[in-house]
Amino acid sequence: MAAQKASRFRDFQLTLQSSSSVLRRLRPLRLSLAGAMSAPSSEPPPPPSPTPMIYEAIDEETIPNSCPNDYYSLHPGQVFNERWKEEPESSRYVAVKIGACTYGSIAAAEHELKLSQRIAMANPSHPGAGYIRTPIDNFQIGGFYVVITILNAFYKRKSAYAIGNERGSTSLPAEKQYKLKSSLEFTAIEQELEALSLDPRDDSTITDRRKELRIEKRKLIIEELYKCRKL
């Protein structure tokens, strides 16, 4: 994945002004940036205007056993990697995903990025294609691997529990269930990525082993029947 390591960096800047948290094992940040990216320019971008930094502990940082060394320290108000700047007039959302190398490897992060790029180039006419996050940039910083993606407005960076509570129920609304199902079908069927399925029965390595076990059990039963049968 040398091409990924040499990823082109656009001359964007994105100021992190909303709540953020770095999760372990290549899980996405709970970071919503209500802004689109500035258009690329051949000229160096002007220095960002100073923004008050917020250093208070947020999200996972407030957990008693949280270890700061396991995370890349992000502070709302800073310019991330000196390349991204928020455009407040846009309604689009951006997600920043940071993989802590202490819990994996660059190769693992690049493999995940490769799958995401494969999905991004899939059939756009599929009903679930519009609900999938696709990467627009990636880079390494301070020993961490970073992937920046565009989010569909449907996500709104809210959990299923939060969305349900807004409607007086802890269950996910039927409309959201349909969109989630369409997204999973898009990745599993269009891309034939069986490993992404939530159902272990879709994993061929598991189903093949189960078939073997059923055959072995049947053979054992037949042998016992012949042993007990009077000829």
C-alpha atoms as a PDB file:
ATOM      1  CA  MET A   1       0.000   0.000   0.000  1.00  0.00           C
ATOM      2  CA  ALA A   2       2.848   2.371  -0.788  1.00  0.00           C
ATOM      3  CA  ALA A   3       0.428   4.434  -2.845  1.00  0.00           C
ATOM      4  CA  GLN A   4      -1.652   5.050   0.256  1.00  0.00           C
ATOM      5  CA  LYS A   5       1.367   6.140   2.245  1.00  0.00           C
ATOM      6  CA  ALA A   6       2.123   8.641  -0.507  1.00  0.00           C
ATOM      7  CA  SER A   7      -1.437   9.928  -0.508  1.00  0.00           C
ATOM      8  CA  ARG A   8      -1.821  13.410  -1.917  1.00  0.00           C
ATOM      9  CA  PHE A   9      -2.733  15.958   0.691  1.00  0.00           C
ATOM     10  CA  ARG A  10      -5.125  18.600  -0.464  1.00  0.00           C
ATOM     11  CA  ASP A  11      -4.558  22.161   0.651  1.00  0.00           C
ATOM     12  CA  PHE A  12      -7.499  22.078   3.008  1.00  0.00           C
ATOM     13  CA  GLN A  13      -7.696  23.104   6.611  1.00  0.00           C
ATOM     14  CA  LEU A  14     -10.380  21.956   8.959  1.00  0.00           C
ATOM     15  CA  THR A  15     -10.676  23.562  12.370  1.00  0.00           C
ATOM     16  CA  LEU A  16     -11.967  21.138  14.953  1.00  0.00           C
ATOM     17  CA  GLN A  17     -14.597  23.068  16.875  1.00  0.00           C
ATOM     18  CA  SER A  18     -16.964  20.369  18.058  1.00  0.00           C
ATOM     19  CA  SER A  19     -16.716  17.586  20.624  1.00  0.00           C
ATOM     20  CA  SER A  20     -14.281  14.860  19.639  1.00  0.00           C
ATOM     21  CA  SER A  21     -13.020  11.590  21.029  1.00  0.00           C
ATOM     22  CA  VAL A  22     -10.430   9.141  19.776  1.00  0.00           C
ATOM     23  CA  LEU A  23     -11.556   5.522  20.031  1.00  0.00           C
ATOM     24  CA  ARG A  24      -9.274   2.508  20.072  1.00  0.00           C
ATOM     25  CA  ARG A  25      -8.696  -0.172  17.463  1.00  0.00           C
ATOM     26  CA  LEU A  26      -9.482   1.891  14.388  1.00  0.00           C
ATOM     27  CA  ARG A  27     -12.945   2.843  15.528  1.00  0.00           C
ATOM     28  CA  PRO A  28     -14.266   6.227  14.299  1.00  0.00           C
ATOM     29  CA  LEU A  29     -14.211   9.397  16.296  1.00  0.00           C
ATOM     30  CA  ARG A  30     -17.428  10.831  17.617  1.00  0.00           C
ATOM     31  CA  LEU A  31     -16.456  14.008  15.819  1.00  0.00           C
ATOM     32  CA  SER A  32     -18.946  16.049  13.795  1.00  0.00           C
ATOM     33  CA  LEU A  33     -17.772  18.984  11.759  1.00  0.00           C
ATOM     34  CA  ALA A  34     -20.724  20.846  10.272  1.00  0.00           C
ATOM     35  CA  GLY A  35     -18.769  22.158   7.349  1.00  0.00           C
ATOM     36  CA  ALA A  36     -17.576  21.298   3.873  1.00  0.00           C
ATOM     37  CA  MET A  37     -14.015  21.573   2.649  1.00  0.00           C
ATOM     38  CA  SER A  38     -12.501  24.600   0.966  1.00  0.00           C
ATOM     39  CA  ALA A  39     -11.702  24.218  -2.711  1.00  0.00           C
ATOM     40  CA  PRO A  40      -8.114  23.119  -3.410  1.00  0.00           C
ATOM     41  CA  SER A  41      -5.725  25.894  -4.328  1.00  0.00           C
ATOM     42  CA  SER A  42      -2.253  25.913  -5.829  1.00  0.00           C
ATOM     43  CA  GLU A  43      -1.269  28.725  -3.488  1.00  0.00           C
ATOM     44  CA  PRO A  44      -0.386  28.064   0.153  1.00  0.00           C
ATOM     45  CA  PRO A  45      -3.427  28.623   2.378  1.00  0.00           C
ATOM     46  CA  PRO A  46      -3.363  31.661   4.655  1.00  0.00           C
ATOM     47  CA  PRO A  47      -2.596  30.986   8.302  1.00  0.00           C
ATOM     48  CA  PRO A  48      -5.783  30.160  10.230  1.00  0.00           C
ATOM     49  CA  SER A  49      -7.187  32.721  12.594  1.00  0.00           C
ATOM     50  CA  PRO A  50      -6.439  31.872  16.213  1.00  0.00           C
ATOM     51  CA  THR A  51      -9.212  29.923  17.906  1.00  0.00           C
ATOM     52  CA  PRO A  52      -9.424  29.342  21.654  1.00  0.00           C
ATOM     53  CA  MET A  53      -8.348  25.798  22.413  1.00  0.00           C
ATOM     54  CA  ILE A  54     -10.428  23.563  24.670  1.00  0.00           C
ATOM     55  CA  TYR A  55      -8.365  21.279  26.864  1.00  0.00           C
ATOM     56  CA  GLU A  56     -11.060  19.895  29.156  1.00  0.00           C
ATOM     57  CA  ALA A  57     -11.454  16.115  29.148  1.00  0.00           C
ATOM     58  CA  ILE A  58     -14.242  14.969  26.816  1.00  0.00           C
ATOM     59  CA  ASP A  59     -16.011  11.699  26.046  1.00  0.00           C
ATOM     60  CA  GLU A  60     -13.665   8.702  26.597  1.00  0.00           C
ATOM     61  CA  GLU A  61     -11.087  10.960  28.249  1.00  0.00           C
ATOM     62  CA  THR A  62     -13.374  11.225  31.268  1.00  0.00           C
ATOM     63  CA  ILE A  63     -13.269   7.466  31.924  1.00  0.00           C
ATOM     64  CA  PRO A  64     -11.219   6.770  35.089  1.00  0.00           C
ATOM     65  CA  ASN A  65      -8.971   4.136  33.466  1.00  0.00           C
ATOM     66  CA  SER A  66      -8.410   6.148  30.273  1.00  0.00           C
ATOM     67  CA  CYS A  67      -4.755   6.220  29.198  1.00  0.00           C
ATOM     68  CA  PRO A  68      -3.732   9.399  27.298  1.00  0.00           C
ATOM     69  CA  ASN A  69      -0.842   7.575  25.618  1.00  0.00           C
ATOM     70  CA  ASP A  70      -3.326   5.337  23.778  1.00  0.00           C
ATOM     71  CA  TYR A  71      -4.814   8.258  21.857  1.00  0.00           C
ATOM     72  CA  TYR A  72      -3.824  11.059  19.549  1.00  0.00           C
ATOM     73  CA  SER A  73      -4.653  14.172  21.512  1.00  0.00           C
ATOM     74  CA  LEU A  74      -7.217  16.330  19.712  1.00  0.00           C
ATOM     75  CA  HIS A  75      -8.523  19.584  21.110  1.00  0.00           C
ATOM     76  CA  PRO A  76     -11.620  21.356  19.756  1.00  0.00           C
ATOM     77  CA  GLY A  77     -10.481  24.611  18.174  1.00  0.00           C
ATOM     78  CA  GLN A  78      -7.190  23.418  16.720  1.00  0.00           C
ATOM     79  CA  VAL A  79      -6.349  23.118  13.031  1.00  0.00           C
ATOM     80  CA  PHE A  80      -5.970  19.411  12.353  1.00  0.00           C
ATOM     81  CA  ASN A  81      -2.720  18.475  10.629  1.00  0.00           C
ATOM     82  CA  GLU A  82      -2.540  22.061   9.293  1.00  0.00           C
ATOM     83  CA  ARG A  83      -4.644  20.984   6.309  1.00  0.00           C
ATOM     84  CA  TRP A  84      -8.334  21.250   7.120  1.00  0.00           C
ATOM     85  CA  LYS A  85     -10.511  24.232   7.886  1.00  0.00           C
ATOM     86  CA  GLU A  86     -14.209  24.329   8.672  1.00  0.00           C
ATOM     87  CA  GLU A  87     -16.610  26.083   6.312  1.00  0.00           C
ATOM     88  CA  PRO A  88     -19.564  26.928   8.596  1.00  0.00           C
ATOM     89  CA  GLU A  89     -22.004  27.698   5.765  1.00  0.00           C
ATOM     90  CA  SER A  90     -22.168  24.076   4.616  1.00  0.00           C
ATOM     91  CA  SER A  91     -24.522  21.439   6.021  1.00  0.00           C
ATOM     92  CA  ARG A  92     -22.298  18.442   5.242  1.00  0.00           C
ATOM     93  CA  TYR A  93     -20.597  16.413   7.930  1.00  0.00           C
ATOM     94  CA  VAL A  94     -17.024  15.199   8.100  1.00  0.00           C
ATOM     95  CA  ALA A  95     -15.670  12.323  10.186  1.00  0.00           C
ATOM     96  CA  VAL A  96     -12.068  11.907  11.258  1.00  0.00           C
ATOM     97  CA  LYS A  97     -10.958   8.358  11.997  1.00  0.00           C
ATOM     98  CA  ILE A  98      -7.704   7.874  13.880  1.00  0.00           C
ATOM     99  CA  GLY A  99      -6.119   4.463  14.325  1.00  0.00           C
ATOM    100  CA  ALA A 100      -3.853   4.134  17.361  1.00  0.00           C
ATOM    101  CA  CYS A 101      -0.807   2.155  16.275  1.00  0.00           C
ATOM    102  CA  THR A 102      -0.401   0.782  19.786  1.00  0.00           C
ATOM    103  CA  TYR A 103      -3.443  -1.409  19.048  1.00  0.00           C
ATOM    104  CA  GLY A 104      -2.674  -2.430  15.495  1.00  0.00           C
ATOM    105  CA  SER A 105      -0.372  -1.659  12.607  1.00  0.00           C
ATOM    106  CA  ILE A 106      -0.075   0.602   9.611  1.00  0.00           C
ATOM    107  CA  ALA A 107      -0.729  -2.432   7.400  1.00  0.00           C
ATOM    108  CA  ALA A 108      -4.048  -3.077   9.152  1.00  0.00           C
ATOM    109  CA  ALA A 109      -5.089   0.545   8.735  1.00  0.00           C
ATOM    110  CA  GLU A 110      -4.133   0.524   5.063  1.00  0.00           C
ATOM    111  CA  HIS A 111      -6.090  -2.696   4.523  1.00  0.00           C
ATOM    112  CA  GLU A 112      -9.193  -1.099   6.000  1.00  0.00           C
ATOM    113  CA  LEU A 113      -8.640   1.973   3.829  1.00  0.00           C
ATOM    114  CA  LYS A 114      -8.345  -0.254   0.742  1.00  0.00           C
ATOM    115  CA  LEU A 115     -11.733  -1.819   1.506  1.00  0.00           C
ATOM    116  CA  SER A 116     -13.279   1.626   1.972  1.00  0.00           C
ATOM    117  CA  GLN A 117     -11.890   2.801  -1.362  1.00  0.00           C
ATOM    118  CA  ARG A 118     -13.206  -0.323  -3.059  1.00  0.00           C
ATOM    119  CA  ILE A 119     -16.663   0.388  -1.682  1.00  0.00           C
ATOM    120  CA  ALA A 120     -16.418   4.016  -2.825  1.00  0.00           C
ATOM    121  CA  MET A 121     -15.914   2.868  -6.432  1.00  0.00           C
ATOM    122  CA  ALA A 122     -18.877   0.473  -6.383  1.00  0.00           C
ATOM    123  CA  ASN A 123     -22.217   0.685  -8.168  1.00  0.00           C
ATOM    124  CA  PRO A 124     -23.662   4.136  -7.274  1.00  0.00           C
ATOM    125  CA  SER A 125     -27.183   3.095  -8.332  1.00  0.00           C
ATOM    126  CA  HIS A 126     -27.582   0.694  -5.401  1.00  0.00           C
ATOM    127  CA  PRO A 127     -30.103   2.026  -2.825  1.00  0.00           C
ATOM    128  CA  GLY A 128     -27.570   1.697  -0.028  1.00  0.00           C
ATOM    129  CA  ALA A 129     -24.708   3.490  -1.775  1.00  0.00           C
ATOM    130  CA  GLY A 130     -25.756   6.904  -0.500  1.00  0.00           C
ATOM    131  CA  TYR A 131     -25.487   5.874   3.139  1.00  0.00           C
ATOM    132  CA  ILE A 132     -21.884   4.671   3.066  1.00  0.00           C
ATOM    133  CA  ARG A 133     -18.948   6.735   4.273  1.00  0.00           C
ATOM    134  CA  THR A 134     -16.204   7.040   1.661  1.00  0.00           C
ATOM    135  CA  PRO A 135     -12.641   8.282   2.271  1.00  0.00           C
ATOM    136  CA  ILE A 136     -11.470  11.558   0.745  1.00  0.00           C
ATOM    137  CA  ASP A 137      -8.016  11.820   2.323  1.00  0.00           C
ATOM    138  CA  ASN A 138      -5.630   9.897   4.550  1.00  0.00           C
ATOM    139  CA  PHE A 139      -2.273  10.534   6.171  1.00  0.00           C
ATOM    140  CA  GLN A 140      -0.054   9.637   9.103  1.00  0.00           C
ATOM    141  CA  ILE A 141       0.652  11.960  11.994  1.00  0.00           C
ATOM    142  CA  GLY A 142       2.526  11.323  15.204  1.00  0.00           C
ATOM    143  CA  GLY A 143       2.543   7.551  14.746  1.00  0.00           C
ATOM    144  CA  PHE A 144      -1.211   7.422  14.082  1.00  0.00           C
ATOM    145  CA  TYR A 145      -3.017   6.653  10.827  1.00  0.00           C
ATOM    146  CA  VAL A 146      -5.767   9.115   9.925  1.00  0.00           C
ATOM    147  CA  VAL A 147      -8.632   8.717   7.462  1.00  0.00           C
ATOM    148  CA  ILE A 148     -10.991  11.584   6.644  1.00  0.00           C
ATOM    149  CA  THR A 149     -14.405  10.738   5.214  1.00  0.00           C
ATOM    150  CA  ILE A 150     -17.595  12.496   4.174  1.00  0.00           C
ATOM    151  CA  LEU A 151     -20.754  11.538   6.046  1.00  0.00           C
ATOM    152  CA  ASN A 152     -24.220  11.469   4.583  1.00  0.00           C
ATOM    153  CA  ALA A 153     -26.528  13.844   6.453  1.00  0.00           C
ATOM    154  CA  PHE A 154     -28.597  10.822   7.546  1.00  0.00           C
ATOM    155  CA  TYR A 155     -26.064   9.899  10.208  1.00  0.00           C
ATOM    156  CA  LYS A 156     -26.086  13.237  12.053  1.00  0.00           C
ATOM    157  CA  ARG A 157     -23.504  11.586  14.327  1.00  0.00           C
ATOM    158  CA  LYS A 158     -26.224  10.280  16.627  1.00  0.00           C
ATOM    159  CA  SER A 159     -26.516   6.804  18.040  1.00  0.00           C
ATOM    160  CA  ALA A 160     -29.549   4.614  17.413  1.00  0.00           C
ATOM    161  CA  TYR A 161     -30.432   4.998  21.093  1.00  0.00           C
ATOM    162  CA  ALA A 162     -30.370   8.809  20.848  1.00  0.00           C
ATOM    163  CA  ILE A 163     -32.495   8.818  17.697  1.00  0.00           C
ATOM    164  CA  GLY A 164     -35.005   6.485  19.343  1.00  0.00           C
ATOM    165  CA  ASN A 165     -35.250   8.630  22.468  1.00  0.00           C
ATOM    166  CA  GLU A 166     -36.161  11.640  20.349  1.00  0.00           C
ATOM    167  CA  ARG A 167     -39.238   9.735  19.207  1.00  0.00           C
ATOM    168  CA  GLY A 168     -40.109   8.328  22.611  1.00  0.00           C
ATOM    169  CA  SER A 169     -38.726   4.878  21.922  1.00  0.00           C
ATOM    170  CA  THR A 170     -35.374   3.173  22.416  1.00  0.00           C
ATOM    171  CA  SER A 171     -35.764   1.233  19.155  1.00  0.00           C
ATOM    172  CA  LEU A 172     -34.502   2.487  15.814  1.00  0.00           C
ATOM    173  CA  PRO A 173     -37.265   3.951  13.594  1.00  0.00           C
ATOM    174  CA  ALA A 174     -38.331   1.810  10.643  1.00  0.00           C
ATOM    175  CA  GLU A 175     -37.003   4.374   8.163  1.00  0.00           C
ATOM    176  CA  LYS A 176     -33.551   4.254   9.725  1.00  0.00           C
ATOM    177  CA  GLN A 177     -33.681   0.457   9.863  1.00  0.00           C
ATOM    178  CA  TYR A 178     -34.304   0.397   6.111  1.00  0.00           C
ATOM    179  CA  LYS A 179     -31.347   2.700   5.446  1.00  0.00           C
ATOM    180  CA  LEU A 180     -29.082   0.644   7.674  1.00  0.00           C
ATOM    181  CA  LYS A 181     -30.213  -2.574   5.988  1.00  0.00           C
ATOM    182  CA  SER A 182     -29.610  -1.030   2.547  1.00  0.00           C
ATOM    183  CA  SER A 183     -26.110  -0.013   3.600  1.00  0.00           C
ATOM    184  CA  LEU A 184     -25.257  -3.519   4.782  1.00  0.00           C
ATOM    185  CA  GLU A 185     -26.673  -5.072   1.622  1.00  0.00           C
ATOM    186  CA  PHE A 186     -24.607  -2.699  -0.481  1.00  0.00           C
ATOM    187  CA  THR A 187     -21.351  -3.712   1.186  1.00  0.00           C
ATOM    188  CA  ALA A 188     -22.153  -7.420   1.437  1.00  0.00           C
ATOM    189  CA  ILE A 189     -23.840  -8.049  -1.921  1.00  0.00           C
ATOM    190  CA  GLU A 190     -22.434  -5.438  -4.281  1.00  0.00           C
ATOM    191  CA  GLN A 191     -18.897  -5.818  -3.015  1.00  0.00           C
ATOM    192  CA  GLU A 192     -19.103  -9.484  -1.961  1.00  0.00           C
ATOM    193  CA  LEU A 193     -17.413  -8.564   1.299  1.00  0.00           C
ATOM    194  CA  GLU A 194     -18.753 -11.417   3.384  1.00  0.00           C
ATOM    195  CA  ALA A 195     -16.490 -10.485   6.280  1.00  0.00           C
ATOM    196  CA  LEU A 196     -18.548  -7.321   6.787  1.00  0.00           C
ATOM    197  CA  SER A 197     -21.737  -9.274   7.410  1.00  0.00           C
ATOM    198  CA  LEU A 198     -23.123  -9.223  10.923  1.00  0.00           C
ATOM    199  CA  ASP A 199     -24.402 -12.787  10.566  1.00  0.00           C
ATOM    200  CA  PRO A 200     -21.745 -15.483  11.178  1.00  0.00           C
ATOM    201  CA  ARG A 201     -23.715 -17.827   8.927  1.00  0.00           C
ATOM    202  CA  ASP A 202     -22.514 -15.721   5.974  1.00  0.00           C
ATOM    203  CA  ASP A 203     -18.881 -16.570   6.721  1.00  0.00           C
ATOM    204  CA  SER A 204     -17.895 -19.442   4.423  1.00  0.00           C
ATOM    205  CA  THR A 205     -15.185 -20.647   6.807  1.00  0.00           C
ATOM    206  CA  ILE A 206     -17.794 -21.060   9.525  1.00  0.00           C
ATOM    207  CA  THR A 207     -20.467 -22.645   7.325  1.00  0.00           C
ATOM    208  CA  ASP A 208     -17.985 -25.107   5.820  1.00  0.00           C
ATOM    209  CA  ARG A 209     -16.905 -26.244   9.269  1.00  0.00           C
ATOM    210  CA  ARG A 210     -20.521 -26.641  10.369  1.00  0.00           C
ATOM    211  CA  LYS A 211     -21.175 -28.825   7.334  1.00  0.00           C
ATOM    212  CA  GLU A 212     -18.198 -30.976   8.240  1.00  0.00           C
ATOM    213  CA  LEU A 213     -19.461 -31.364  11.785  1.00  0.00           C
ATOM    214  CA  ARG A 214     -22.926 -32.368  10.569  1.00  0.00           C
ATOM    215  CA  ILE A 215     -21.443 -34.985   8.241  1.00  0.00           C
ATOM    216  CA  GLU A 216     -19.197 -36.376  10.969  1.00  0.00           C
ATOM    217  CA  LYS A 217     -22.131 -36.637  13.360  1.00  0.00           C
ATOM    218  CA  ARG A 218     -24.245 -38.393  10.742  1.00  0.00           C
ATOM    219  CA  LYS A 219     -21.495 -40.905  10.026  1.00  0.00           C
ATOM    220  CA  LEU A 220     -21.186 -41.616  13.732  1.00  0.00           C
ATOM    221  CA  ILE A 221     -24.932 -42.218  14.080  1.00  0.00           C
ATOM    222  CA  ILE A 222     -24.959 -44.584  11.097  1.00  0.00           C
ATOM    223  CA  GLU A 223     -22.051 -46.569  12.535  1.00  0.00           C
ATOM    224  CA  GLU A 224     -23.845 -46.899  15.868  1.00  0.00           C
ATOM    225  CA  LEU A 225     -27.022 -48.073  14.115  1.00  0.00           C
ATOM    226  CA  TYR A 226     -25.179 -50.810  12.272  1.00  0.00           C
ATOM    227  CA  LYS A 227     -23.480 -51.906  15.469  1.00  0.00           C
ATOM    228  CA  CYS A 228     -26.814 -52.269  17.259  1.00  0.00           C
ATOM    229  CA  ARG A 229     -28.794 -53.778  14.421  1.00  0.00           C
ATOM    230  CA  LYS A 230     -29.350 -57.516  14.380  1.00  0.00           C
ATOM    231  CA  LEU A 231     -28.673 -58.961  10.951  1.00  0.00           C
END
